Structures are given as structure tokens and as C-alpha cells.
């Protein structure tokens, strides 16, 4: 999202698992709403991307093209959705 807003890529793997602890239903609902809002913002930005930009490097050549990164976000989301579904199945089997 930072790049779509004119910024740089600043994400670091070491910060991937830092988030507030979920201790109640309100915390969970806030997390879900935050996730949904970010997904909506991502879709909105992707819809506005000029087709000529898709094959161009995202910030630097080493990060790949815009289309590669957009597809990567979508594929990564599918991966996590699959994890959630497996956990739901395990919980329901108990």
C-alpha cells in the first residue's frame, strides 16, 4: 500500500509477527475490520493502476514488477485463507 501511495517498500520480515494480543471479542472484531478495510483499500488501488505500469518494476528491479507483487498479495491471501479453513475443520472435529 505504501508504494501505491507514492512511498517506498519499508516492510521487514523481523516485524511480521508483531501485533496486539487478542484478549476478547472486541479485539477480534477490530482486527477483522482492520483486515477488511485494508483489503478494500488494496482492491481500490489495484483497480486504478494503469495497465502500462503492471510490467514495470515496483520501486526497484529487485522487487519485481507491479503485477508480480499484486499477484503475490492475492496468492498469499489464498494461502492464509486455506490455513484458516484447516483450523476451522480441526476445531469442528473436536
N, C-alpha and C. Protein backbone atom coordinates (compact mmCIF):
# COMPACT_ATOMS: atom_id res chain seq x y z
N UNK A 1 0.83 -1.20 0.00
CA UNK A 1 0.00 0.00 0.00
C UNK A 1 0.87 1.25 0.00
N UNK A 2 2.01 1.19 0.69
CA UNK A 2 2.88 2.37 0.72
C UNK A 2 3.32 2.76 -0.69
N UNK A 3 3.65 1.76 -1.50
CA UNK A 3 4.10 2.04 -2.87
C UNK A 3 2.97 2.63 -3.69
N UNK A 4 1.76 2.09 -3.56
CA UNK A 4 0.62 2.63 -4.29
C UNK A 4 0.32 4.07 -3.87
N UNK A 5 0.75 4.44 -2.67
CA UNK A 5 0.55 5.80 -2.19
C UNK A 5 1.76 6.68 -2.43
N UNK A 6 2.71 6.21 -3.27
CA UNK A 6 3.87 7.01 -3.62
C UNK A 6 5.07 6.82 -2.71
N UNK A 7 4.99 5.88 -1.79
CA UNK A 7 6.08 5.66 -0.85
C UNK A 7 7.03 4.56 -1.29
N UNK A 8 7.90 4.18 -0.37
CA UNK A 8 8.89 3.14 -0.62
C UNK A 8 8.49 1.83 0.06
N UNK A 9 9.19 0.77 -0.27
CA UNK A 9 8.99 -0.51 0.40
C UNK A 9 9.83 -0.47 1.68
N UNK A 10 9.17 -0.51 2.82
CA UNK A 10 9.88 -0.42 4.10
C UNK A 10 9.62 -1.62 4.99
N UNK A 11 8.83 -2.59 4.51
CA UNK A 11 8.46 -3.75 5.32
C UNK A 11 9.71 -4.60 5.59
N UNK A 12 9.78 -5.16 6.79
CA UNK A 12 10.89 -6.03 7.19
C UNK A 12 10.32 -7.31 7.78
N UNK A 13 10.93 -8.45 7.41
CA UNK A 13 10.46 -9.74 7.91
C UNK A 13 10.47 -9.81 9.43
N UNK A 14 11.44 -9.16 10.07
CA UNK A 14 11.54 -9.26 11.53
C UNK A 14 10.34 -8.65 12.24
N UNK A 15 9.55 -7.86 11.53
CA UNK A 15 8.36 -7.24 12.14
C UNK A 15 7.06 -7.97 11.77
N UNK A 16 7.17 -9.11 11.08
CA UNK A 16 6.00 -9.80 10.54
C UNK A 16 5.01 -10.29 11.60
N UNK A 17 5.49 -10.60 12.80
CA UNK A 17 4.62 -11.21 13.79
C UNK A 17 4.32 -10.29 14.97
N UNK A 18 4.60 -9.03 14.81
CA UNK A 18 4.32 -8.08 15.88
C UNK A 18 2.90 -7.54 15.71
N UNK A 19 2.07 -7.83 16.70
CA UNK A 19 0.71 -7.31 16.67
C UNK A 19 0.14 -7.34 18.09
N UNK A 20 -0.89 -6.61 18.30
CA UNK A 20 -1.52 -6.56 19.62
C UNK A 20 -2.15 -7.91 19.95
N UNK A 21 -2.10 -8.26 21.21
CA UNK A 21 -2.70 -9.51 21.67
C UNK A 21 -4.23 -9.41 21.59
N UNK A 22 -4.85 -10.49 21.17
CA UNK A 22 -6.30 -10.54 21.10
C UNK A 22 -6.78 -11.22 22.38
N UNK A 23 -7.49 -10.45 23.21
CA UNK A 23 -7.92 -10.98 24.51
C UNK A 23 -9.43 -11.09 24.66
N UNK A 24 -10.16 -10.52 23.69
CA UNK A 24 -11.61 -10.58 23.79
C UNK A 24 -12.24 -10.41 22.41
N UNK A 25 -13.54 -10.53 22.36
CA UNK A 25 -14.26 -10.45 21.09
C UNK A 25 -14.10 -9.09 20.42
N UNK A 26 -14.05 -8.03 21.22
CA UNK A 26 -13.88 -6.69 20.66
C UNK A 26 -12.53 -6.57 19.95
N UNK A 27 -11.47 -7.11 20.57
CA UNK A 27 -10.15 -7.10 19.93
C UNK A 27 -10.21 -7.84 18.59
N UNK A 28 -10.89 -9.00 18.58
CA UNK A 28 -11.01 -9.80 17.36
C UNK A 28 -11.77 -9.03 16.29
N UNK A 29 -12.87 -8.41 16.66
CA UNK A 29 -13.67 -7.64 15.69
C UNK A 29 -12.88 -6.47 15.11
N UNK A 30 -12.08 -5.81 15.94
CA UNK A 30 -11.23 -4.72 15.45
C UNK A 30 -10.22 -5.23 14.44
N UNK A 31 -9.62 -6.38 14.72
CA UNK A 31 -8.65 -6.97 13.79
C UNK A 31 -9.32 -7.33 12.46
N UNK A 32 -10.47 -7.97 12.53
CA UNK A 32 -11.20 -8.35 11.31
C UNK A 32 -11.57 -7.11 10.51
N UNK A 33 -12.10 -6.08 11.16
CA UNK A 33 -12.48 -4.85 10.47
C UNK A 33 -11.27 -4.17 9.83
N UNK A 34 -10.14 -4.18 10.53
CA UNK A 34 -8.89 -3.60 10.01
C UNK A 34 -8.45 -4.36 8.76
N UNK A 35 -8.51 -5.69 8.83
CA UNK A 35 -8.14 -6.53 7.69
C UNK A 35 -9.05 -6.26 6.49
N UNK A 36 -10.34 -6.22 6.72
CA UNK A 36 -11.30 -6.00 5.63
C UNK A 36 -11.08 -4.62 5.01
N UNK A 37 -10.87 -3.62 5.84
CA UNK A 37 -10.64 -2.25 5.33
C UNK A 37 -9.38 -2.21 4.47
N UNK A 38 -8.30 -2.86 4.94
CA UNK A 38 -7.07 -2.89 4.16
C UNK A 38 -7.27 -3.61 2.84
N UNK A 39 -8.04 -4.69 2.85
CA UNK A 39 -8.33 -5.43 1.61
C UNK A 39 -9.10 -4.54 0.64
N UNK A 40 -10.07 -3.80 1.14
CA UNK A 40 -10.84 -2.90 0.29
C UNK A 40 -9.96 -1.80 -0.30
N UNK A 41 -9.05 -1.26 0.51
CA UNK A 41 -8.13 -0.24 0.03
C UNK A 41 -7.21 -0.80 -1.05
N UNK A 42 -6.72 -2.02 -0.85
CA UNK A 42 -5.86 -2.67 -1.83
C UNK A 42 -6.59 -2.84 -3.16
N UNK A 43 -7.81 -3.35 -3.10
CA UNK A 43 -8.61 -3.55 -4.32
C UNK A 43 -8.83 -2.21 -5.03
N UNK A 44 -9.13 -1.19 -4.27
CA UNK A 44 -9.35 0.13 -4.84
C UNK A 44 -8.10 0.65 -5.55
N UNK A 45 -6.95 0.46 -4.95
CA UNK A 45 -5.69 0.91 -5.56
C UNK A 45 -5.38 0.11 -6.82
N UNK A 46 -5.57 -1.21 -6.76
CA UNK A 46 -5.28 -2.07 -7.91
C UNK A 46 -6.19 -1.72 -9.08
N UNK A 47 -7.45 -1.43 -8.80
CA UNK A 47 -8.39 -1.07 -9.87
C UNK A 47 -7.93 0.18 -10.62
N UNK A 48 -7.22 1.06 -9.94
CA UNK A 48 -6.81 2.33 -10.54
C UNK A 48 -5.44 2.28 -11.20
N UNK A 49 -4.72 1.15 -11.07
CA UNK A 49 -3.39 1.04 -11.66
C UNK A 49 -3.49 1.05 -13.18
N UNK A 50 -2.72 1.91 -13.79
CA UNK A 50 -2.67 1.98 -15.25
C UNK A 50 -2.04 0.70 -15.77
N UNK A 51 -2.65 0.10 -16.80
CA UNK A 51 -2.15 -1.16 -17.36
C UNK A 51 -0.68 -1.07 -17.78
N UNK A 52 -0.25 0.09 -18.20
CA UNK A 52 1.15 0.27 -18.62
C UNK A 52 2.14 0.15 -17.48
N UNK A 53 1.66 0.27 -16.27
CA UNK A 53 2.53 0.18 -15.09
C UNK A 53 2.74 -1.26 -14.64
N UNK A 54 1.86 -2.16 -15.01
CA UNK A 54 1.88 -3.53 -14.48
C UNK A 54 3.18 -4.28 -14.70
N UNK A 55 3.81 -4.09 -15.85
CA UNK A 55 5.05 -4.80 -16.15
C UNK A 55 6.30 -4.05 -15.70
N UNK A 56 6.13 -2.88 -15.14
CA UNK A 56 7.28 -2.08 -14.69
C UNK A 56 7.71 -2.51 -13.29
N UNK A 57 8.98 -2.27 -12.97
CA UNK A 57 9.47 -2.63 -11.63
C UNK A 57 8.74 -1.86 -10.53
N UNK A 58 8.47 -2.54 -9.43
CA UNK A 58 7.86 -1.90 -8.28
C UNK A 58 8.99 -1.33 -7.42
N UNK A 59 9.19 -0.07 -7.47
CA UNK A 59 10.22 0.70 -6.78
C UNK A 59 11.61 0.40 -7.33
N UNK A 60 12.08 -0.86 -7.20
CA UNK A 60 13.39 -1.26 -7.71
C UNK A 60 13.24 -2.59 -8.45
N UNK A 61 14.12 -2.82 -9.41
CA UNK A 61 14.10 -4.04 -10.21
C UNK A 61 14.09 -5.30 -9.33
N UNK A 62 14.83 -5.27 -8.23
CA UNK A 62 14.95 -6.45 -7.37
C UNK A 62 13.63 -6.87 -6.73
N UNK A 63 12.65 -5.98 -6.66
CA UNK A 63 11.35 -6.30 -6.06
C UNK A 63 10.36 -6.89 -7.07
N UNK A 64 10.74 -6.94 -8.33
CA UNK A 64 9.85 -7.48 -9.35
C UNK A 64 8.87 -6.42 -9.84
N UNK A 65 7.98 -6.85 -10.72
CA UNK A 65 7.02 -5.94 -11.34
C UNK A 65 5.80 -5.72 -10.44
N UNK A 66 5.04 -4.72 -10.82
CA UNK A 66 3.79 -4.45 -10.10
C UNK A 66 2.87 -5.66 -10.16
N UNK A 67 2.74 -6.26 -11.36
CA UNK A 67 1.82 -7.39 -11.49
C UNK A 67 2.28 -8.57 -10.64
N UNK A 68 3.59 -8.81 -10.59
CA UNK A 68 4.11 -9.90 -9.78
C UNK A 68 3.76 -9.68 -8.30
N UNK A 69 3.89 -8.46 -7.83
CA UNK A 69 3.59 -8.15 -6.43
C UNK A 69 2.10 -8.19 -6.14
N UNK A 70 1.29 -7.71 -7.06
CA UNK A 70 -0.17 -7.76 -6.89
C UNK A 70 -0.62 -9.22 -6.82
N UNK A 71 -0.13 -10.03 -7.76
CA UNK A 71 -0.48 -11.45 -7.75
C UNK A 71 0.04 -12.14 -6.49
N UNK A 72 1.21 -11.72 -6.02
CA UNK A 72 1.78 -12.29 -4.80
C UNK A 72 0.91 -12.02 -3.58
N UNK A 73 0.37 -10.81 -3.48
CA UNK A 73 -0.53 -10.48 -2.36
C UNK A 73 -1.77 -11.35 -2.42
N UNK A 74 -2.32 -11.53 -3.61
CA UNK A 74 -3.53 -12.35 -3.76
C UNK A 74 -3.24 -13.80 -3.41
N UNK A 75 -2.14 -14.34 -3.94
CA UNK A 75 -1.78 -15.73 -3.65
C UNK A 75 -1.50 -15.94 -2.16
N UNK A 76 -0.84 -14.99 -1.54
CA UNK A 76 -0.54 -15.09 -0.11
C UNK A 76 -1.84 -15.08 0.71
N UNK A 77 -2.80 -14.30 0.26
CA UNK A 77 -4.10 -14.27 0.94
C UNK A 77 -4.81 -15.61 0.83
N UNK A 78 -4.73 -16.24 -0.34
CA UNK A 78 -5.32 -17.58 -0.51
C UNK A 78 -4.65 -18.59 0.42
N UNK A 79 -3.35 -18.49 0.55
CA UNK A 79 -2.61 -19.38 1.45
C UNK A 79 -3.15 -19.27 2.88
N UNK A 80 -3.29 -18.03 3.36
CA UNK A 80 -3.79 -17.84 4.72
C UNK A 80 -5.25 -18.26 4.86
N UNK A 81 -6.05 -18.03 3.86
CA UNK A 81 -7.44 -18.49 3.89
C UNK A 81 -7.48 -20.00 4.04
N UNK A 82 -6.61 -20.69 3.33
CA UNK A 82 -6.53 -22.15 3.46
C UNK A 82 -6.15 -22.58 4.87
N UNK A 83 -5.22 -21.85 5.48
CA UNK A 83 -4.85 -22.15 6.87
C UNK A 83 -6.04 -21.97 7.81
N UNK A 84 -6.78 -20.91 7.63
CA UNK A 84 -7.95 -20.65 8.48
C UNK A 84 -8.97 -21.77 8.32
N UNK A 85 -9.20 -22.19 7.07
CA UNK A 85 -10.17 -23.27 6.83
C UNK A 85 -9.72 -24.58 7.47
N UNK A 86 -8.43 -24.89 7.40
CA UNK A 86 -7.93 -26.10 8.05
C UNK A 86 -8.11 -26.04 9.57
N UNK A 87 -7.83 -24.88 10.14
CA UNK A 87 -8.03 -24.72 11.59
C UNK A 87 -9.49 -24.86 11.96
N UNK A 88 -10.38 -24.31 11.15
CA UNK A 88 -11.83 -24.45 11.42
C UNK A 88 -12.24 -25.91 11.39
N UNK A 89 -11.75 -26.66 10.42
CA UNK A 89 -12.07 -28.08 10.33
C UNK A 89 -11.58 -28.84 11.56
N UNK A 90 -10.36 -28.52 12.00
CA UNK A 90 -9.81 -29.17 13.19
C UNK A 90 -10.64 -28.85 14.44
N UNK A 91 -11.03 -27.61 14.57
CA UNK A 91 -11.84 -27.20 15.73
C UNK A 91 -13.20 -27.89 15.71
N UNK A 92 -13.82 -27.96 14.55
CA UNK A 92 -15.15 -28.57 14.44
C UNK A 92 -15.11 -30.08 14.66
N UNK A 93 -13.97 -30.72 14.45
CA UNK A 93 -13.84 -32.17 14.66
C UNK A 93 -13.73 -32.53 16.13
N UNK A 94 -13.44 -31.59 16.97
CA UNK A 94 -13.27 -31.88 18.40
C UNK A 94 -14.56 -32.02 19.13
